[in-house]
Amino acid sequence: MSTDANDTDESAGEDTDSRPELDLSFLDRQPARATDIPNFGNHLERSDDPEPRRVSENKTLTVGRDISLKGDITECDSLIVEGRIEASLDSARALEISRGGRFDGSAKVETAVISGRFDGDLEVTRALRITASGKVTGKVCYGRLEIETGGEVDGDFSVYQ
């Protein structure tokens, strides 16, 4: 018969499998929110940083695969579409529709790279690039246009004025 190290300290009348009771009271407490932690975020405001960070520097929205989104998109610098969007995008810097991504609606951007599908009204003030897997249909206005072999276009296309 084998004996455990715990058996030597316990009396013969007690259960040999009993262990001290664990304190699990911490499970009942709510986790701290970032706003409740003192000085959380003060590191962003330090003046001794060689290059201070700007919170509003890069506003990128990525709609991932298998995700659908409907509505108006505002205050967005860059939109990356890997899923499906039915929306209106106003004055963004860049639009990228990945292969397999789809955008239905209207968009006004500086540059656009279309590798998926765009259906609707598209206004690109600088450069519009349609890759070999891209398809654009609708009313399109562009500053400069590049279509790779295999890229498809259908609709009213005009040069941005």
Protein backbone atom coordinates (compact mmCIF):
# COMPACT_ATOMS: atom_id res chain seq x y z
CA MET A 1 0.00 0.00 0.00
CA SER A 2 1.38 3.43 -0.94
CA THR A 3 1.18 6.45 1.31
CA ASP A 4 0.96 10.09 0.32
CA ALA A 5 2.99 12.84 1.94
CA ASN A 6 -0.29 14.29 3.20
CA ASP A 7 -1.10 11.06 5.07
CA THR A 8 1.75 11.51 7.54
CA ASP A 9 0.39 14.83 8.86
CA GLU A 10 -3.25 13.78 9.14
CA SER A 11 -4.78 11.72 11.87
CA ALA A 12 -5.89 8.18 11.07
CA GLY A 13 -9.62 9.00 11.48
CA GLU A 14 -9.74 11.74 8.72
CA ASP A 15 -10.30 11.29 4.98
CA THR A 16 -6.97 10.93 3.17
CA ASP A 17 -8.22 12.76 0.03
CA SER A 18 -9.23 15.98 1.79
CA ARG A 19 -7.33 19.11 0.86
CA PRO A 20 -7.39 22.58 2.33
CA GLU A 21 -10.31 24.65 1.06
CA LEU A 22 -9.31 27.15 -1.63
CA ASP A 23 -10.24 30.83 -1.40
CA LEU A 24 -12.18 31.51 -4.60
CA SER A 25 -13.70 34.82 -3.52
CA PHE A 26 -11.77 36.64 -6.25
CA LEU A 27 -14.09 35.02 -8.83
CA ASP A 28 -17.03 37.08 -7.54
CA ARG A 29 -15.28 40.42 -8.12
CA GLN A 30 -15.75 42.37 -11.37
CA PRO A 31 -12.60 42.88 -13.42
CA ALA A 32 -11.26 46.42 -13.38
CA ARG A 33 -12.20 48.59 -16.34
CA ALA A 34 -9.48 50.62 -18.01
CA THR A 35 -11.13 53.82 -16.79
CA ASP A 36 -10.95 52.56 -13.19
CA ILE A 37 -7.19 51.98 -13.28
CA PRO A 38 -5.32 55.04 -11.98
CA ASN A 39 -2.92 56.65 -14.47
CA PHE A 40 -3.95 54.25 -17.24
CA GLY A 41 -3.26 56.02 -20.52
CA ASN A 42 -1.02 58.71 -19.03
CA HIS A 43 1.85 57.15 -20.94
CA LEU A 44 0.29 58.53 -24.14
CA GLU A 45 0.57 62.10 -22.84
CA ARG A 46 4.23 62.08 -21.83
CA SER A 47 6.21 64.97 -23.26
CA ASP A 48 9.54 63.14 -22.96
CA ASP A 49 8.56 60.66 -25.71
CA PRO A 50 10.76 61.24 -28.77
CA GLU A 51 7.71 61.05 -31.04
CA PRO A 52 4.35 61.68 -29.37
CA ARG A 53 1.53 59.41 -30.51
CA ARG A 54 -1.65 60.88 -31.94
CA VAL A 55 -4.81 59.01 -31.08
CA SER A 56 -6.67 60.16 -34.21
CA GLU A 57 -3.79 59.58 -36.63
CA ASN A 58 -5.04 56.42 -38.31
CA LYS A 59 -8.76 55.65 -38.45
CA THR A 60 -8.98 52.31 -40.25
CA LEU A 61 -12.07 50.13 -40.40
CA THR A 62 -11.63 46.51 -41.47
CA VAL A 63 -14.68 44.41 -42.25
CA GLY A 64 -13.38 40.85 -42.03
CA ARG A 65 -14.39 37.74 -43.91
CA ASP A 66 -17.86 36.39 -43.20
CA ILE A 67 -18.91 39.75 -41.71
CA SER A 68 -21.74 41.90 -43.07
CA LEU A 69 -22.18 45.59 -42.34
CA LYS A 70 -24.99 48.02 -43.24
CA GLY A 71 -25.15 51.76 -42.70
CA ASP A 72 -23.33 55.06 -43.10
CA ILE A 73 -19.60 55.17 -42.51
CA THR A 74 -18.19 58.51 -41.39
CA GLU A 75 -14.91 59.64 -39.85
CA CYS A 76 -13.01 56.80 -41.52
CA ASP A 77 -9.62 57.38 -43.17
CA SER A 78 -9.21 53.90 -44.59
CA LEU A 79 -11.75 51.13 -45.21
CA ILE A 80 -10.70 47.55 -45.90
CA VAL A 81 -13.48 45.22 -47.06
CA GLU A 82 -12.96 41.47 -46.84
CA GLY A 83 -16.62 40.68 -46.14
CA ARG A 84 -19.79 42.39 -47.36
CA ILE A 85 -20.84 46.02 -46.93
CA GLU A 86 -24.03 47.84 -47.88
CA ALA A 87 -23.16 51.40 -47.02
CA SER A 88 -22.42 54.97 -47.85
CA LEU A 89 -18.80 56.02 -47.31
CA ASP A 90 -18.13 59.75 -47.30
CA SER A 91 -14.74 61.40 -47.82
CA ALA A 92 -12.34 58.62 -46.85
CA ARG A 93 -8.70 58.60 -47.84
CA ALA A 94 -8.54 55.00 -49.07
CA LEU A 95 -10.85 52.13 -49.98
CA GLU A 96 -9.58 48.58 -50.46
CA ILE A 97 -11.89 45.76 -51.44
CA SER A 98 -10.06 42.46 -51.09
CA ARG A 99 -10.65 39.40 -53.25
CA GLY A 100 -13.94 37.93 -52.03
CA GLY A 101 -15.05 41.27 -50.55
CA ARG A 102 -18.13 43.14 -51.73
CA PHE A 103 -19.26 46.76 -51.41
CA ASP A 104 -22.80 47.83 -52.40
CA GLY A 105 -23.62 51.51 -52.11
CA SER A 106 -21.78 54.77 -52.60
CA ALA A 107 -18.26 55.88 -51.77
CA LYS A 108 -16.20 59.06 -52.10
CA VAL A 109 -12.48 58.39 -51.59
CA GLU A 110 -9.06 59.63 -52.67
CA THR A 111 -7.70 56.24 -53.77
CA ALA A 112 -9.28 52.84 -54.30
CA VAL A 113 -7.99 49.35 -55.02
CA ILE A 114 -10.71 46.93 -56.05
CA SER A 115 -9.87 43.21 -55.99
CA GLY A 116 -13.41 42.12 -55.11
CA ARG A 117 -16.73 43.65 -56.20
CA PHE A 118 -18.05 47.19 -56.07
CA ASP A 119 -21.66 47.95 -57.11
CA GLY A 120 -22.96 51.52 -56.93
CA ASP A 121 -21.64 55.06 -57.15
CA LEU A 122 -17.89 55.45 -56.76
CA GLU A 123 -16.05 58.78 -56.78
CA VAL A 124 -12.26 58.50 -56.64
CA THR A 125 -10.47 61.86 -56.67
CA ARG A 126 -6.99 60.45 -57.33
CA ALA A 127 -6.31 56.86 -58.44
CA LEU A 128 -8.64 53.92 -59.03
CA ARG A 129 -7.01 50.53 -59.53
CA ILE A 130 -9.02 47.48 -60.52
CA THR A 131 -7.03 44.27 -60.17
CA ALA A 132 -7.41 41.12 -62.25
CA SER A 133 -10.00 39.70 -59.83
CA GLY A 134 -11.89 43.00 -59.42
CA LYS A 135 -15.27 43.97 -60.83
CA VAL A 136 -16.81 47.46 -60.69
CA THR A 137 -20.35 48.24 -61.83
CA GLY A 138 -22.29 51.47 -61.57
CA LYS A 139 -21.51 55.15 -61.93
CA VAL A 140 -17.77 55.74 -61.49
CA CYS A 141 -15.79 58.99 -61.50
CA TYR A 142 -11.97 58.79 -61.22
CA GLY A 143 -8.82 60.91 -61.39
CA ARG A 144 -6.60 58.19 -62.82
CA LEU A 145 -7.68 54.69 -63.83
CA GLU A 146 -5.70 51.44 -63.98
CA ILE A 147 -7.34 48.15 -64.94
CA GLU A 148 -5.31 44.95 -64.82
CA THR A 149 -5.93 42.24 -67.41
CA GLY A 150 -8.97 40.31 -66.23
CA GLY A 151 -10.48 43.23 -64.29
CA GLU A 152 -14.09 43.98 -65.21
CA VAL A 153 -15.98 47.27 -65.48
CA ASP A 154 -19.59 47.97 -66.39
CA GLY A 155 -21.46 51.25 -66.18
CA ASP A 156 -20.87 54.97 -66.62
CA PHE A 157 -17.19 55.89 -66.23
CA SER A 158 -15.96 59.50 -66.34
CA VAL A 159 -12.86 61.48 -65.44
CA TYR A 160 -13.05 63.39 -62.13
CA GLN A 161 -13.38 67.19 -62.60
